[in-house]
Structures are given as C-alpha cells and as structure tokens.
Amino acid sequence: MAVYNANNLDIEAVKKNGSVELYIVSSGKFDDSPEQQTLLMNKIENYIGYVLSEEFKTKHPNCPIDNCCIVLSLDKKPSSLLLELCAKIRSWIKSYGICFRAEYNTLLGKKRSVDL
C-alpha cells in the first residue's frame, strides 16, 4: 500500500507568497486495489474538509481557498488507473476552488508533475 491513515495530514507547507500546499505522501507503489483507492479518496475528503474548516482559516488567515493546493506525491510513476482517478480527483477538488496536482519521483530521483 502507498497511502496511509486517511485521518492524518502528511505535510502542510506554507510558501513565501502565502499559499499553502497540503501533501499526501505515498511510500511504495500504489497497488490500485479498491482498498487503496478508497483510502486515498477518504484522505482527499479529509483534506478538503480541513481547507474549508475554521481551523484552516484561523491558521492561514491570508490564504484564500484558491491559493491552496492538495498535492499527491508518489514514489513511482502512477499507473493508468491512478491517472484516471487523479483526473477525477482534480475535478472534484476544483469544484471547491482548491487546486490539485500529482507528482512522482523519476528513476533519477527528480520530481515530475503528472499531466492530468
């Protein structure tokens, strides 16, 4: 499995420009199982809830929702199934005014954005 504990926020990064990135960090290969897909969707739902919460607004008063991004960070290049799921996730998150992107590590250890 690659994504763990749907109730934990993996990484919260505040950029110099005031934008906020919330990372879902994958360790190992995403196995495409229904369980892993459900866990990812639950985690995304919790991240959306956090961005829309009073806690987030209090912690980041100068960060409007459209300046927040949820980032799925993968160890490996995503499968075609995960790419399809990410495209759906992107539309879902965008409906709340939040940005979404996915990235993965290349064989040379560089981060590469996933085209959705």
PDB file of N, CA and C in Angstrom:
ATOM      1  N   MET A   1       0.841  -1.189   0.000  1.00  0.00           N
ATOM      2  CA  MET A   1       0.000   0.000   0.000  1.00  0.00           C
ATOM      3  C   MET A   1       0.878   1.240   0.000  1.00  0.00           C
ATOM      4  N   ALA A   2       0.341   2.293  -0.532  1.00  0.00           N
ATOM      5  CA  ALA A   2       1.120   3.511  -0.694  1.00  0.00           C
ATOM      6  C   ALA A   2       0.625   4.663   0.174  1.00  0.00           C
ATOM      7  N   VAL A   3      -0.673   4.784   0.370  1.00  0.00           N
ATOM      8  CA  VAL A   3      -1.236   5.877   1.153  1.00  0.00           C
ATOM      9  C   VAL A   3      -1.723   5.298   2.477  1.00  0.00           C
ATOM     10  N   TYR A   4      -1.448   6.012   3.549  1.00  0.00           N
ATOM     11  CA  TYR A   4      -1.794   5.528   4.877  1.00  0.00           C
ATOM     12  C   TYR A   4      -2.695   6.512   5.596  1.00  0.00           C
ATOM     13  N   ASN A   5      -3.290   6.082   6.649  1.00  0.00           N
ATOM     14  CA  ASN A   5      -4.108   6.842   7.586  1.00  0.00           C
ATOM     15  C   ASN A   5      -4.811   8.062   6.977  1.00  0.00           C
ATOM     16  N   ALA A   6      -6.039   7.852   6.624  1.00  0.00           N
ATOM     17  CA  ALA A   6      -6.850   8.898   5.995  1.00  0.00           C
ATOM     18  C   ALA A   6      -7.077  10.095   6.916  1.00  0.00           C
ATOM     19  N   ASN A   7      -6.883   9.911   8.215  1.00  0.00           N
ATOM     20  CA  ASN A   7      -7.167  10.980   9.173  1.00  0.00           C
ATOM     21  C   ASN A   7      -5.968  11.861   9.490  1.00  0.00           C
ATOM     22  N   ASN A   8      -4.791  11.539   8.947  1.00  0.00           N
ATOM     23  CA  ASN A   8      -3.595  12.330   9.216  1.00  0.00           C
ATOM     24  C   ASN A   8      -3.273  13.261   8.062  1.00  0.00           C
ATOM     25  N   LEU A   9      -2.835  14.460   8.404  1.00  0.00           N
ATOM     26  CA  LEU A   9      -2.308  15.395   7.431  1.00  0.00           C
ATOM     27  C   LEU A   9      -0.818  15.089   7.322  1.00  0.00           C
ATOM     28  N   ASP A  10      -0.358  14.698   6.144  1.00  0.00           N
ATOM     29  CA  ASP A  10       1.034  14.277   5.994  1.00  0.00           C
ATOM     30  C   ASP A  10       2.004  15.450   6.103  1.00  0.00           C
ATOM     31  N   ILE A  11       1.857  16.444   5.227  1.00  0.00           N
ATOM     32  CA  ILE A  11       2.731  17.621   5.255  1.00  0.00           C
ATOM     33  C   ILE A  11       1.909  18.852   4.892  1.00  0.00           C
ATOM     34  N   GLU A  12       2.121  19.919   5.646  1.00  0.00           N
ATOM     35  CA  GLU A  12       1.490  21.212   5.370  1.00  0.00           C
ATOM     36  C   GLU A  12       2.613  22.219   5.157  1.00  0.00           C
ATOM     37  N   ALA A  13       2.712  22.762   3.949  1.00  0.00           N
ATOM     38  CA  ALA A  13       3.790  23.696   3.613  1.00  0.00           C
ATOM     39  C   ALA A  13       3.211  25.061   3.282  1.00  0.00           C
ATOM     40  N   VAL A  14       3.749  26.080   3.938  1.00  0.00           N
ATOM     41  CA  VAL A  14       3.348  27.447   3.658  1.00  0.00           C
ATOM     42  C   VAL A  14       4.457  28.071   2.815  1.00  0.00           C
ATOM     43  N   LYS A  15       4.096  28.557   1.641  1.00  0.00           N
ATOM     44  CA  LYS A  15       5.054  29.168   0.718  1.00  0.00           C
ATOM     45  C   LYS A  15       5.289  30.634   1.079  1.00  0.00           C
ATOM     46  N   LYS A  16       6.372  31.196   0.577  1.00  0.00           N
ATOM     47  CA  LYS A  16       6.702  32.603   0.846  1.00  0.00           C
ATOM     48  C   LYS A  16       5.597  33.552   0.400  1.00  0.00           C
ATOM     49  N   ASN A  17       4.887  33.173  -0.676  1.00  0.00           N
ATOM     50  CA  ASN A  17       3.819  34.038  -1.185  1.00  0.00           C
ATOM     51  C   ASN A  17       2.513  33.883  -0.401  1.00  0.00           C
ATOM     52  N   GLY A  18       2.526  33.039   0.646  1.00  0.00           N
ATOM     53  CA  GLY A  18       1.347  32.845   1.486  1.00  0.00           C
ATOM     54  C   GLY A  18       0.462  31.690   1.075  1.00  0.00           C
ATOM     55  N   SER A  19       0.739  31.088  -0.073  1.00  0.00           N
ATOM     56  CA  SER A  19      -0.053  29.931  -0.493  1.00  0.00           C
ATOM     57  C   SER A  19       0.281  28.732   0.396  1.00  0.00           C
ATOM     58  N   VAL A  20      -0.641  27.786   0.446  1.00  0.00           N
ATOM     59  CA  VAL A  20      -0.474  26.597   1.283  1.00  0.00           C
ATOM     60  C   VAL A  20      -0.587  25.353   0.410  1.00  0.00           C
ATOM     61  N   GLU A  21       0.347  24.427   0.602  1.00  0.00           N
ATOM     62  CA  GLU A  21       0.298  23.139  -0.081  1.00  0.00           C
ATOM     63  C   GLU A  21       0.158  22.049   0.973  1.00  0.00           C
ATOM     64  N   LEU A  22      -0.819  21.184   0.759  1.00  0.00           N
ATOM     65  CA  LEU A  22      -1.061  20.054   1.652  1.00  0.00           C
ATOM     66  C   LEU A  22      -0.690  18.794   0.895  1.00  0.00           C
ATOM     67  N   TYR A  23       0.307  18.081   1.393  1.00  0.00           N
ATOM     68  CA  TYR A  23       0.828  16.913   0.699  1.00  0.00           C
ATOM     69  C   TYR A  23       0.264  15.616   1.254  1.00  0.00           C
ATOM     70  N   ILE A  24      -0.096  14.737   0.332  1.00  0.00           N
ATOM     71  CA  ILE A  24      -0.386  13.344   0.642  1.00  0.00           C
ATOM     72  C   ILE A  24       0.834  12.589   0.132  1.00  0.00           C
ATOM     73  N   VAL A  25       1.589  12.009   1.043  1.00  0.00           N
ATOM     74  CA  VAL A  25       2.846  11.374   0.679  1.00  0.00           C
ATOM     75  C   VAL A  25       2.645   9.871   0.574  1.00  0.00           C
ATOM     76  N   SER A  26       2.987   9.350  -0.586  1.00  0.00           N
ATOM     77  CA  SER A  26       2.893   7.923  -0.846  1.00  0.00           C
ATOM     78  C   SER A  26       4.258   7.291  -0.628  1.00  0.00           C
ATOM     79  N   SER A  27       4.269   6.168   0.026  1.00  0.00           N
ATOM     80  CA  SER A  27       5.522   5.426   0.159  1.00  0.00           C
ATOM     81  C   SER A  27       5.296   4.041  -0.423  1.00  0.00           C
ATOM     82  N   GLY A  28       6.086   3.712  -1.405  1.00  0.00           N
ATOM     83  CA  GLY A  28       5.902   2.437  -2.088  1.00  0.00           C
ATOM     84  C   GLY A  28       4.951   2.591  -3.260  1.00  0.00           C
ATOM     85  N   LYS A  29       4.774   1.528  -3.981  1.00  0.00           N
ATOM     86  CA  LYS A  29       3.942   1.553  -5.183  1.00  0.00           C
ATOM     87  C   LYS A  29       2.466   1.531  -4.808  1.00  0.00           C
ATOM     88  N   PHE A  30       1.716   2.428  -5.406  1.00  0.00           N
ATOM     89  CA  PHE A  30       0.262   2.443  -5.238  1.00  0.00           C
ATOM     90  C   PHE A  30      -0.258   1.181  -5.913  1.00  0.00           C
ATOM     91  N   ASP A  31      -0.953   0.322  -5.181  1.00  0.00           N
ATOM     92  CA  ASP A  31      -1.290  -1.009  -5.705  1.00  0.00           C
ATOM     93  C   ASP A  31      -2.607  -1.087  -6.485  1.00  0.00           C
ATOM     94  N   ASP A  32      -3.294   0.023  -6.677  1.00  0.00           N
ATOM     95  CA  ASP A  32      -4.532   0.080  -7.462  1.00  0.00           C
ATOM     96  C   ASP A  32      -5.690  -0.729  -6.885  1.00  0.00           C
ATOM     97  N   SER A  33      -5.532  -1.263  -5.696  1.00  0.00           N
ATOM     98  CA  SER A  33      -6.612  -2.049  -5.098  1.00  0.00           C
ATOM     99  C   SER A  33      -7.772  -1.140  -4.714  1.00  0.00           C
ATOM    100  N   PRO A  34      -8.993  -1.689  -4.662  1.00  0.00           N
ATOM    101  CA  PRO A  34     -10.145  -0.890  -4.212  1.00  0.00           C
ATOM    102  C   PRO A  34      -9.914  -0.298  -2.818  1.00  0.00           C
ATOM    103  N   GLU A  35      -9.224  -1.032  -1.960  1.00  0.00           N
ATOM    104  CA  GLU A  35      -8.959  -0.543  -0.606  1.00  0.00           C
ATOM    105  C   GLU A  35      -8.063   0.695  -0.649  1.00  0.00           C
ATOM    106  N   GLN A  36      -7.031   0.645  -1.489  1.00  0.00           N
ATOM    107  CA  GLN A  36      -6.103   1.766  -1.602  1.00  0.00           C
ATOM    108  C   GLN A  36      -6.801   2.984  -2.233  1.00  0.00           C
ATOM    109  N   GLN A  37      -7.653   2.739  -3.220  1.00  0.00           N
ATOM    110  CA  GLN A  37      -8.400   3.826  -3.856  1.00  0.00           C
ATOM    111  C   GLN A  37      -9.341   4.480  -2.847  1.00  0.00           C
ATOM    112  N   THR A  38     -10.021   3.668  -2.050  1.00  0.00           N
ATOM    113  CA  THR A  38     -10.938   4.188  -1.031  1.00  0.00           C
ATOM    114  C   THR A  38     -10.183   4.987   0.014  1.00  0.00           C
ATOM    115  N   LEU A  39      -9.037   4.482   0.446  1.00  0.00           N
ATOM    116  CA  LEU A  39      -8.223   5.193   1.429  1.00  0.00           C
ATOM    117  C   LEU A  39      -7.776   6.548   0.879  1.00  0.00           C
ATOM    118  N   LEU A  40      -7.347   6.580  -0.377  1.00  0.00           N
ATOM    119  CA  LEU A  40      -6.938   7.838  -0.995  1.00  0.00           C
ATOM    120  C   LEU A  40      -8.118   8.809  -1.068  1.00  0.00           C
ATOM    121  N   MET A  41      -9.265   8.334  -1.493  1.00  0.00           N
ATOM    122  CA  MET A  41     -10.446   9.203  -1.598  1.00  0.00           C
ATOM    123  C   MET A  41     -10.857   9.737  -0.219  1.00  0.00           C
ATOM    124  N   ASN A  42     -10.798   8.893   0.801  1.00  0.00           N
ATOM    125  CA  ASN A  42     -11.128   9.333   2.164  1.00  0.00           C
ATOM    126  C   ASN A  42     -10.140  10.392   2.644  1.00  0.00           C
ATOM    127  N   LYS A  43      -8.866  10.190   2.324  1.00  0.00           N
ATOM    128  CA  LYS A  43      -7.838  11.144   2.733  1.00  0.00           C
ATOM    129  C   LYS A  43      -8.061  12.483   2.017  1.00  0.00           C
ATOM    130  N   ILE A  44      -8.363  12.439   0.721  1.00  0.00           N
ATOM    131  CA  ILE A  44      -8.655  13.654  -0.032  1.00  0.00           C
ATOM    132  C   ILE A  44      -9.853  14.378   0.591  1.00  0.00           C
ATOM    133  N   GLU A  45     -10.889  13.632   0.903  1.00  0.00           N
ATOM    134  CA  GLU A  45     -12.091  14.219   1.518  1.00  0.00           C
ATOM    135  C   GLU A  45     -11.737  14.923   2.828  1.00  0.00           C
ATOM    136  N   ASN A  46     -10.875  14.313   3.629  1.00  0.00           N
ATOM    137  CA  ASN A  46     -10.455  14.929   4.888  1.00  0.00           C
ATOM    138  C   ASN A  46      -9.630  16.193   4.646  1.00  0.00           C
ATOM    139  N   TYR A  47      -8.792  16.180   3.625  1.00  0.00           N
ATOM    140  CA  TYR A  47      -8.002  17.363   3.290  1.00  0.00           C
ATOM    141  C   TYR A  47      -8.927  18.504   2.852  1.00  0.00           C
ATOM    142  N   ILE A  48      -9.906  18.202   2.027  1.00  0.00           N
ATOM    143  CA  ILE A  48     -10.874  19.219   1.598  1.00  0.00           C
ATOM    144  C   ILE A  48     -11.582  19.800   2.827  1.00  0.00           C
ATOM    145  N   GLY A  49     -12.035  18.918   3.707  1.00  0.00           N
ATOM    146  CA  GLY A  49     -12.700  19.366   4.926  1.00  0.00           C
ATOM    147  C   GLY A  49     -11.813  20.277   5.761  1.00  0.00           C
ATOM    148  N   TYR A  50     -10.523  19.960   5.816  1.00  0.00           N
ATOM    149  CA  TYR A  50      -9.581  20.787   6.572  1.00  0.00           C
ATOM    150  C   TYR A  50      -9.455  22.181   5.937  1.00  0.00           C
ATOM    151  N   VAL A  51      -9.307  22.232   4.611  1.00  0.00           N
ATOM    152  CA  VAL A  51      -9.169  23.520   3.917  1.00  0.00           C
ATOM    153  C   VAL A  51     -10.413  24.381   4.114  1.00  0.00           C
ATOM    154  N   LEU A  52     -11.567  23.776   4.189  1.00  0.00           N
ATOM    155  CA  LEU A  52     -12.818  24.506   4.357  1.00  0.00           C
ATOM    156  C   LEU A  52     -13.143  24.822   5.818  1.00  0.00           C
ATOM    157  N   SER A  53     -12.316  24.335   6.742  1.00  0.00           N
ATOM    158  CA  SER A  53     -12.599  24.456   8.173  1.00  0.00           C
ATOM    159  C   SER A  53     -12.195  25.807   8.761  1.00  0.00           C
ATOM    160  N   GLU A  54     -12.780  26.117   9.912  1.00  0.00           N
ATOM    161  CA  GLU A  54     -12.396  27.310  10.668  1.00  0.00           C
ATOM    162  C   GLU A  54     -10.951  27.202  11.140  1.00  0.00           C
ATOM    163  N   GLU A  55     -10.513  25.995  11.463  1.00  0.00           N
ATOM    164  CA  GLU A  55      -9.126  25.786  11.899  1.00  0.00           C
ATOM    165  C   GLU A  55      -8.144  26.275  10.829  1.00  0.00           C
ATOM    166  N   PHE A  56      -8.405  25.910   9.570  1.00  0.00           N
ATOM    167  CA  PHE A  56      -7.536  26.333   8.476  1.00  0.00           C
ATOM    168  C   PHE A  56      -7.587  27.849   8.316  1.00  0.00           C
ATOM    169  N   LYS A  57      -8.788  28.419   8.354  1.00  0.00           N
ATOM    170  CA  LYS A  57      -8.937  29.869   8.190  1.00  0.00           C
ATOM    171  C   LYS A  57      -8.227  30.630   9.302  1.00  0.00           C
ATOM    172  N   THR A  58      -8.266  30.088  10.513  1.00  0.00           N
ATOM    173  CA  THR A  58      -7.588  30.720  11.641  1.00  0.00           C
ATOM    174  C   THR A  58      -6.073  30.607  11.503  1.00  0.00           C
ATOM    175  N   LYS A  59      -5.606  29.441  11.100  1.00  0.00           N
ATOM    176  CA  LYS A  59      -4.167  29.190  10.964  1.00  0.00           C
ATOM    177  C   LYS A  59      -3.565  29.936   9.771  1.00  0.00           C
ATOM    178  N   HIS A  60      -4.357  30.094   8.710  1.00  0.00           N
ATOM    179  CA  HIS A  60      -3.885  30.739   7.475  1.00  0.00           C
ATOM    180  C   HIS A  60      -4.863  31.841   7.053  1.00  0.00           C
ATOM    181  N   PRO A  61      -4.972  32.912   7.850  1.00  0.00           N
ATOM    182  CA  PRO A  61      -5.980  33.938   7.566  1.00  0.00           C
ATOM    183  C   PRO A  61      -5.769  34.677   6.239  1.00  0.00           C
ATOM    184  N   ASN A  62      -4.557  34.687   5.730  1.00  0.00           N
ATOM    185  CA  ASN A  62      -4.266  35.405   4.493  1.00  0.00           C
ATOM    186  C   ASN A  62      -4.174  34.485   3.282  1.00  0.00           C
ATOM    187  N   CYS A  63      -4.674  33.264   3.421  1.00  0.00           N
ATOM    188  CA  CYS A  63      -4.634  32.299   2.313  1.00  0.00           C
ATOM    189  C   CYS A  63      -6.056  31.970   1.875  1.00  0.00           C
ATOM    190  N   PRO A  64      -6.497  32.589   0.779  1.00  0.00           N
ATOM    191  CA  PRO A  64      -7.823  32.218   0.276  1.00  0.00           C
ATOM    192  C   PRO A  64      -7.802  30.785  -0.251  1.00  0.00           C
ATOM    193  N   ILE A  65      -8.948  30.166  -0.297  1.00  0.00           N
ATOM    194  CA  ILE A  65      -9.054  28.773  -0.727  1.00  0.00           C
ATOM    195  C   ILE A  65      -8.409  28.549  -2.089  1.00  0.00           C
ATOM    196  N   ASP A  66      -8.560  29.508  -2.998  1.00  0.00           N
ATOM    197  CA  ASP A  66      -7.995  29.307  -4.334  1.00  0.00           C
ATOM    198  C   ASP A  66      -6.472  29.454  -4.378  1.00  0.00           C
ATOM    199  N   ASN A  67      -5.871  29.714  -3.221  1.00  0.00           N
ATOM    200  CA  ASN A  67      -4.414  29.777  -3.119  1.00  0.00           C
ATOM    201  C   ASN A  67      -3.874  28.578  -2.336  1.00  0.00           C
ATOM    202  N   CYS A  68      -4.704  27.537  -2.268  1.00  0.00           N
ATOM    203  CA  CYS A  68      -4.346  26.307  -1.564  1.00  0.00           C
ATOM    204  C   CYS A  68      -4.336  25.152  -2.567  1.00  0.00           C
ATOM    205  N   CYS A  69      -3.376  24.252  -2.393  1.00  0.00           N
ATOM    206  CA  CYS A  69      -3.250  23.128  -3.320  1.00  0.00           C
ATOM    207  C   CYS A  69      -3.030  21.829  -2.540  1.00  0.00           C
ATOM    208  N   ILE A  70      -3.759  20.803  -2.933  1.00  0.00           N
ATOM    209  CA  ILE A  70      -3.540  19.459  -2.399  1.00  0.00           C
ATOM    210  C   ILE A  70      -2.648  18.745  -3.399  1.00  0.00           C
ATOM    211  N   VAL A  71      -1.547  18.176  -2.903  1.00  0.00           N
ATOM    212  CA  VAL A  71      -0.545  17.552  -3.762  1.00  0.00           C
ATOM    213  C   VAL A  71      -0.409  16.079  -3.396  1.00  0.00           C
ATOM    214  N   LEU A  72      -0.590  15.206  -4.381  1.00  0.00           N
ATOM    215  CA  LEU A  72      -0.350  13.773  -4.198  1.00  0.00           C
ATOM    216  C   LEU A  72       1.080  13.514  -4.651  1.00  0.00           C
ATOM    217  N   SER A  73       1.939  13.147  -3.724  1.00  0.00           N
ATOM    218  CA  SER A  73       3.347  12.914  -4.006  1.00  0.00           C
ATOM    219  C   SER A  73       3.629  11.410  -3.981  1.00  0.00           C
ATOM    220  N   LEU A  74       3.966  10.868  -5.141  1.00  0.00           N
ATOM    221  CA  LEU A  74       4.146   9.423  -5.308  1.00  0.00           C
ATOM    222  C   LEU A  74       5.621   9.048  -5.448  1.00  0.00           C
ATOM    223  N   ASP A  75       5.962   7.854  -5.001  1.00  0.00           N
ATOM    224  CA  ASP A  75       7.328   7.334  -5.158  1.00  0.00           C
ATOM    225  C   ASP A  75       7.623   6.912  -6.591  1.00  0.00           C
ATOM    226  N   LYS A  76       6.613   6.423  -7.266  1.00  0.00           N
ATOM    227  CA  LYS A  76       6.785   5.858  -8.613  1.00  0.00           C
ATOM    228  C   LYS A  76       5.804   6.497  -9.587  1.00  0.00           C
ATOM    229  N   LYS A  77       6.078   6.337 -10.877  1.00  0.00           N
ATOM    230  CA  LYS A  77       5.166   6.813 -11.908  1.00  0.00           C
ATOM    231  C   LYS A  77       3.814   6.129 -11.723  1.00  0.00           C
ATOM    232  N   PRO A  78       2.727   6.880 -11.748  1.00  0.00           N
ATOM    233  CA  PRO A  78       1.409   6.284 -11.500  1.00  0.00           C
ATOM    234  C   PRO A  78       0.931   5.397 -12.649  1.00  0.00           C
ATOM    235  N   SER A  79       0.149   4.406 -12.286  1.00  0.00           N
ATOM    236  CA  SER A  79      -0.468   3.509 -13.266  1.00  0.00           C
ATOM    237  C   SER A  79      -1.545   4.271 -14.033  1.00  0.00           C
ATOM    238  N   SER A  80      -2.015   3.684 -15.113  1.00  0.00           N
ATOM    239  CA  SER A  80      -3.087   4.324 -15.884  1.00  0.00           C
ATOM    240  C   SER A  80      -4.362   4.441 -15.047  1.00  0.00           C
ATOM    241  N   LEU A  81      -4.631   3.466 -14.193  1.00  0.00           N
ATOM    242  CA  LEU A  81      -5.801   3.534 -13.318  1.00  0.00           C
ATOM    243  C   LEU A  81      -5.687   4.714 -12.357  1.00  0.00           C
ATOM    244  N   LEU A  82      -4.513   4.892 -11.774  1.00  0.00           N
ATOM    245  CA  LEU A  82      -4.320   6.002 -10.845  1.00  0.00           C
ATOM    246  C   LEU A  82      -4.386   7.340 -11.587  1.00  0.00           C
ATOM    247  N   LEU A  83      -3.906   7.394 -12.817  1.00  0.00           N
ATOM    248  CA  LEU A  83      -4.009   8.618 -13.608  1.00  0.00           C
ATOM    249  C   LEU A  83      -5.476   8.993 -13.828  1.00  0.00           C
ATOM    250  N   GLU A  84      -6.298   8.009 -14.150  1.00  0.00           N
ATOM    251  CA  GLU A  84      -7.735   8.249 -14.331  1.00  0.00           C
ATOM    252  C   GLU A  84      -8.360   8.738 -13.030  1.00  0.00           C
ATOM    253  N   LEU A  85      -7.987   8.103 -11.932  1.00  0.00           N
ATOM    254  CA  LEU A  85      -8.518   8.502 -10.624  1.00  0.00           C
ATOM    255  C   LEU A  85      -8.081   9.927 -10.279  1.00  0.00           C
ATOM    256  N   CYS A  86      -6.837  10.271 -10.568  1.00  0.00           N
ATOM    257  CA  CYS A  86      -6.335  11.620 -10.290  1.00  0.00           C
ATOM    258  C   CYS A  86      -7.091  12.679 -11.098  1.00  0.00           C
ATOM    259  N   ALA A  87      -7.437  12.362 -12.337  1.00  0.00           N
ATOM    260  CA  ALA A  87      -8.204  13.307 -13.153  1.00  0.00           C
ATOM    261  C   ALA A  87      -9.572  13.567 -12.521  1.00  0.00           C
ATOM    262  N   LYS A  88     -10.192  12.520 -11.999  1.00  0.00           N
ATOM    263  CA  LYS A  88     -11.487  12.674 -11.323  1.00  0.00           C
ATOM    264  C   LYS A  88     -11.323  13.449 -10.021  1.00  0.00           C
ATOM    265  N   ILE A  89     -10.247  13.152  -9.288  1.00  0.00           N
ATOM    266  CA  ILE A  89      -9.969  13.851  -8.031  1.00  0.00           C
ATOM    267  C   ILE A  89      -9.773  15.336  -8.305  1.00  0.00           C
ATOM    268  N   ARG A  90      -9.038  15.634  -9.360  1.00  0.00           N
ATOM    269  CA  ARG A  90      -8.778  17.034  -9.700  1.00  0.00           C
ATOM    270  C   ARG A  90     -10.086  17.799  -9.929  1.00  0.00           C
ATOM    271  N   SER A  91     -11.011  17.207 -10.682  1.00  0.00           N
ATOM    272  CA  SER A  91     -12.308  17.859 -10.927  1.00  0.00           C
ATOM    273  C   SER A  91     -13.082  18.034  -9.630  1.00  0.00           C
ATOM    274  N   TRP A  92     -13.058  17.017  -8.790  1.00  0.00           N
ATOM    275  CA  TRP A  92     -13.762  17.044  -7.514  1.00  0.00           C
ATOM    276  C   TRP A  92     -13.209  18.168  -6.635  1.00  0.00           C
ATOM    277  N   ILE A  93     -11.889  18.231  -6.494  1.00  0.00           N
ATOM    278  CA  ILE A  93     -11.256  19.239  -5.640  1.00  0.00           C
ATOM    279  C   ILE A  93     -11.472  20.638  -6.223  1.00  0.00           C
ATOM    280  N   LYS A  94     -11.382  20.739  -7.530  1.00  0.00           N
ATOM    281  CA  LYS A  94     -11.553  22.034  -8.198  1.00  0.00           C
ATOM    282  C   LYS A  94     -12.947  22.607  -7.950  1.00  0.00           C
ATOM    283  N   SER A  95     -13.945  21.720  -7.778  1.00  0.00           N
ATOM    284  CA  SER A  95     -15.308  22.194  -7.518  1.00  0.00           C
ATOM    285  C   SER A  95     -15.403  22.970  -6.198  1.00  0.00           C
ATOM    286  N   TYR A  96     -14.406  22.811  -5.325  1.00  0.00           N
ATOM    287  CA  TYR A  96     -14.343  23.547  -4.061  1.00  0.00           C
ATOM    288  C   TYR A  96     -13.449  24.782  -4.176  1.00  0.00           C
ATOM    289  N   GLY A  97     -12.848  24.990  -5.349  1.00  0.00           N
ATOM    290  CA  GLY A  97     -11.952  26.123  -5.543  1.00  0.00           C
ATOM    291  C   GLY A  97     -10.526  25.849  -5.110  1.00  0.00           C
ATOM    292  N   ILE A  98     -10.213  24.585  -4.849  1.00  0.00           N
ATOM    293  CA  ILE A  98      -8.888  24.179  -4.390  1.00  0.00           C
ATOM    294  C   ILE A  98      -8.144  23.557  -5.573  1.00  0.00           C
ATOM    295  N   CYS A  99      -6.867  23.802  -5.658  1.00  0.00           N
ATOM    296  CA  CYS A  99      -6.068  23.214  -6.738  1.00  0.00           C
ATOM    297  C   CYS A  99      -5.602  21.806  -6.331  1.00  0.00           C
ATOM    298  N   PHE A 100      -5.310  20.988  -7.328  1.00  0.00           N
ATOM    299  CA  PHE A 100      -4.782  19.634  -7.097  1.00  0.00           C
ATOM    300  C   PHE A 100      -3.718  19.339  -8.137  1.00  0.00           C
ATOM    301  N   ARG A 101      -2.649  18.715  -7.683  1.00  0.00           N
ATOM    302  CA  ARG A 101      -1.658  18.203  -8.616  1.00  0.00           C
ATOM    303  C   ARG A 101      -1.076  16.918  -8.052  1.00  0.00           C
ATOM    304  N   ALA A 102      -0.547  16.119  -8.965  1.00  0.00           N
ATOM    305  CA  ALA A 102       0.128  14.881  -8.585  1.00  0.00           C
ATOM    306  C   ALA A 102       1.541  14.943  -9.133  1.00  0.00           C
ATOM    307  N   GLU A 103       2.471  14.363  -8.397  1.00  0.00           N
ATOM    308  CA  GLU A 103       3.862  14.334  -8.821  1.00  0.00           C
ATOM    309  C   GLU A 103       4.463  12.999  -8.400  1.00  0.00           C
ATOM    310  N   TYR A 104       5.547  12.629  -9.066  1.00  0.00           N
ATOM    311  CA  TYR A 104       6.217  11.379  -8.721  1.00  0.00           C
ATOM    312  C   TYR A 104       7.721  11.529  -8.887  1.00  0.00           C
ATOM    313  N   ASN A 105       8.459  10.632  -8.240  1.00  0.00           N
ATOM    314  CA  ASN A 105       9.914  10.596  -8.356  1.00  0.00           C
ATOM    315  C   ASN A 105      10.304   9.816  -9.598  1.00  0.00           C
ATOM    316  N   THR A 106      11.223  10.353 -10.385  1.00  0.00           N
ATOM    317  CA  THR A 106      11.746   9.626 -11.536  1.00  0.00           C
ATOM    318  C   THR A 106      12.835   8.675 -11.053  1.00  0.00           C
ATOM    319  N   LEU A 107      13.326   7.851 -11.945  1.00  0.00           N
ATOM    320  CA  LEU A 107      14.415   6.929 -11.602  1.00  0.00           C
ATOM    321  C   LEU A 107      15.664   7.679 -11.164  1.00  0.00           C
ATOM    322  N   LEU A 108      15.816   8.921 -11.625  1.00  0.00           N
ATOM    323  CA  LEU A 108      16.972   9.729 -11.259  1.00  0.00           C
ATOM    324  C   LEU A 108      16.728  10.551  -9.993  1.00  0.00           C
ATOM    325  N   GLY A 109      15.587  10.323  -9.356  1.00  0.00           N
ATOM    326  CA  GLY A 109      15.282  10.996  -8.095  1.00  0.00           C
ATOM    327  C   GLY A 109      14.724  12.402  -8.227  1.00  0.00           C
ATOM    328  N   LYS A 110      14.343  12.802  -9.426  1.00  0.00           N
ATOM    329  CA  LYS A 110      13.757  14.121  -9.629  1.00  0.00           C
ATOM    330  C   LYS A 110      12.237  14.028  -9.558  1.00  0.00           C
ATOM    331  N   LYS A 111      11.612  15.131  -9.113  1.00  0.00           N
ATOM    332  CA  LYS A 111      10.150  15.195  -9.081  1.00  0.00           C
ATOM    333  C   LYS A 111       9.641  15.550 -10.473  1.00  0.00           C
ATOM    334  N   ARG A 112       8.603  14.861 -10.893  1.00  0.00           N
ATOM    335  CA  ARG A 112       7.972  15.150 -12.183  1.00  0.00           C
ATOM    336  C   ARG A 112       6.474  15.289 -11.947  1.00  0.00           C
ATOM    337  N   SER A 113       5.888  16.340 -12.500  1.00  0.00           N
ATOM    338  CA  SER A 113       4.442  16.545 -12.394  1.00  0.00           C
ATOM    339  C   SER A 113       3.720  15.583 -13.317  1.00  0.00           C
ATOM    340  N   VAL A 114       2.560  15.140 -12.875  1.00  0.00           N
ATOM    341  CA  VAL A 114       1.714  14.268 -13.672  1.00  0.00           C
ATOM    342  C   VAL A 114       0.768  15.139 -14.489  1.00  0.00           C
ATOM    343  N   ASP A 115       0.706  14.895 -15.792  1.00  0.00           N
ATOM    344  CA  ASP A 115      -0.234  15.624 -16.640  1.00  0.00           C
ATOM    345  C   ASP A 115      -1.618  15.033 -16.466  1.00  0.00           C
ATOM    346  N   LEU A 116      -2.548  15.878 -16.028  1.00  0.00           N
ATOM    347  CA  LEU A 116      -3.925  15.413 -15.821  1.00  0.00           C
ATOM    348  C   LEU A 116      -4.860  16.051 -16.804  1.00  0.00           C
TER     349      LEU A 116
END
